[in-house]
Structure formats: structure tokens, C-alpha cells
């Protein structure tokens, strides 16, 4: 799964990619090996958490995997990239 976001102030784009394994979820940010780690939550929950934080900070979700989510936030509503 992946989530691609854009920070409103700086217009920087960041991509969070994950792969879930039995022992946890592997995370890599911006395809940078220095920014890789593992988390103990499920892959879907990780992306929901990121997207909720992005929306709370008034930044934009510009692309990503469609997630099964029934909450109030529009985490599957992708915005256009700001140039």
C-alpha cells in the first residue's frame, strides 16, 4: 500500500510505501533506504493514521491505495498536486 502527500506550506511531496508481513509492517518513505523502518500495526491502520494526521494538519493527500474506511474523514479523496 502507499500514500502520497503534499505539505501545503513547502509544496514538498512525500510517499509512504508499506508491505505487511506476519511479524509487522515494513515502511519506507520517499524510496530512501535511510528512511525505512518497521512498525507493529497493520498496514491499513498505518495508512489511516498517516492520512488522518495529514488532514488534521491541513495538508493534502494526492494519491494512494484506496482503503476500506468508514470514518468521517475523506481519506480516499485525493487532491491535485500544487505546483
Protein backbone atom coordinates (compact mmCIF):
# COMPACT_ATOMS: atom_id res chain seq x y z
CA UNK A 1 0.00 0.00 0.00
CA UNK A 2 1.08 3.56 -0.41
CA UNK A 3 0.08 7.11 0.47
CA UNK A 4 1.40 10.17 -1.33
CA UNK A 5 1.03 13.51 0.44
CA UNK A 6 1.90 17.14 -0.20
CA UNK A 7 2.82 19.58 2.54
CA UNK A 8 0.89 22.80 1.87
CA UNK A 9 3.50 25.31 3.16
CA UNK A 10 6.52 23.89 1.33
CA UNK A 11 4.78 22.06 -1.56
CA UNK A 12 7.06 19.09 -0.81
CA UNK A 13 5.74 15.66 -1.73
CA UNK A 14 6.34 12.55 0.37
CA UNK A 15 5.45 8.95 -0.41
CA UNK A 16 4.89 6.33 2.31
CA UNK A 17 5.06 2.75 1.00
CA UNK A 18 4.43 -0.32 3.13
CA UNK A 19 4.50 -4.09 2.93
CA UNK A 20 2.83 -6.17 5.61
CA UNK A 21 4.46 -9.35 6.92
CA UNK A 22 3.39 -11.73 9.67
CA UNK A 23 5.70 -10.10 12.21
CA UNK A 24 4.91 -6.47 11.36
CA UNK A 25 4.77 -3.85 8.64
CA UNK A 26 7.79 -2.62 6.68
CA UNK A 27 7.71 1.14 5.94
CA UNK A 28 9.86 3.15 3.53
CA UNK A 29 9.49 6.89 2.97
CA UNK A 30 10.36 8.53 -0.36
CA UNK A 31 12.10 5.32 -1.54
CA UNK A 32 15.01 6.29 0.70
CA UNK A 33 16.74 3.33 2.43
CA UNK A 34 17.79 5.69 5.24
CA UNK A 35 14.08 6.30 5.94
CA UNK A 36 12.94 2.71 6.37
CA UNK A 37 11.65 1.01 9.48
CA UNK A 38 9.20 -1.49 10.83
CA UNK A 39 6.01 -0.93 12.81
CA UNK A 40 3.83 -3.35 14.72
CA UNK A 41 0.46 -2.09 13.48
CA UNK A 42 -1.34 -3.40 10.40
CA UNK A 43 -0.55 -1.85 7.04
CA UNK A 44 -4.08 -0.46 6.58
CA UNK A 45 -4.08 1.10 10.04
CA UNK A 46 -0.71 2.75 9.37
CA UNK A 47 -2.04 4.48 6.25
CA UNK A 48 -5.24 5.55 8.01
CA UNK A 49 -3.14 7.07 10.80
CA UNK A 50 -0.94 8.98 8.32
CA UNK A 51 -3.88 10.27 6.30
CA UNK A 52 -5.79 11.42 9.37
CA UNK A 53 -2.72 13.34 10.56
CA UNK A 54 -2.23 14.91 7.10
CA UNK A 55 -5.83 16.12 7.00
CA UNK A 56 -5.63 17.42 10.59
CA UNK A 57 -2.55 19.48 9.59
CA UNK A 58 -4.47 20.87 6.56
CA UNK A 59 -2.06 19.23 4.09
CA UNK A 60 -3.16 17.18 1.05
CA UNK A 61 -3.40 13.51 0.16
CA UNK A 62 -2.61 13.46 -3.56
CA UNK A 63 -2.54 9.72 -4.30
CA UNK A 64 -2.59 6.32 -2.69
CA UNK A 65 -4.19 2.95 -2.29
CA UNK A 66 -7.96 3.05 -1.74
CA UNK A 67 -8.51 1.98 1.87
CA UNK A 68 -11.52 0.24 3.40
CA UNK A 69 -12.53 3.01 5.81
CA UNK A 70 -15.93 4.10 7.12
CA UNK A 71 -14.91 7.09 9.25
CA UNK A 72 -15.95 10.71 8.79
CA UNK A 73 -12.69 11.92 7.24
CA UNK A 74 -12.29 11.74 3.46
CA UNK A 75 -9.05 9.77 3.46
CA UNK A 76 -9.66 8.33 -0.02
CA UNK A 77 -10.36 11.76 -1.58
CA UNK A 78 -7.20 12.65 -3.49
CA UNK A 79 -6.40 16.29 -4.33
CA UNK A 80 -4.42 17.62 -7.26
CA UNK A 81 -0.75 18.34 -6.73
CA UNK A 82 0.02 22.03 -6.16
CA UNK A 83 2.84 23.25 -8.42
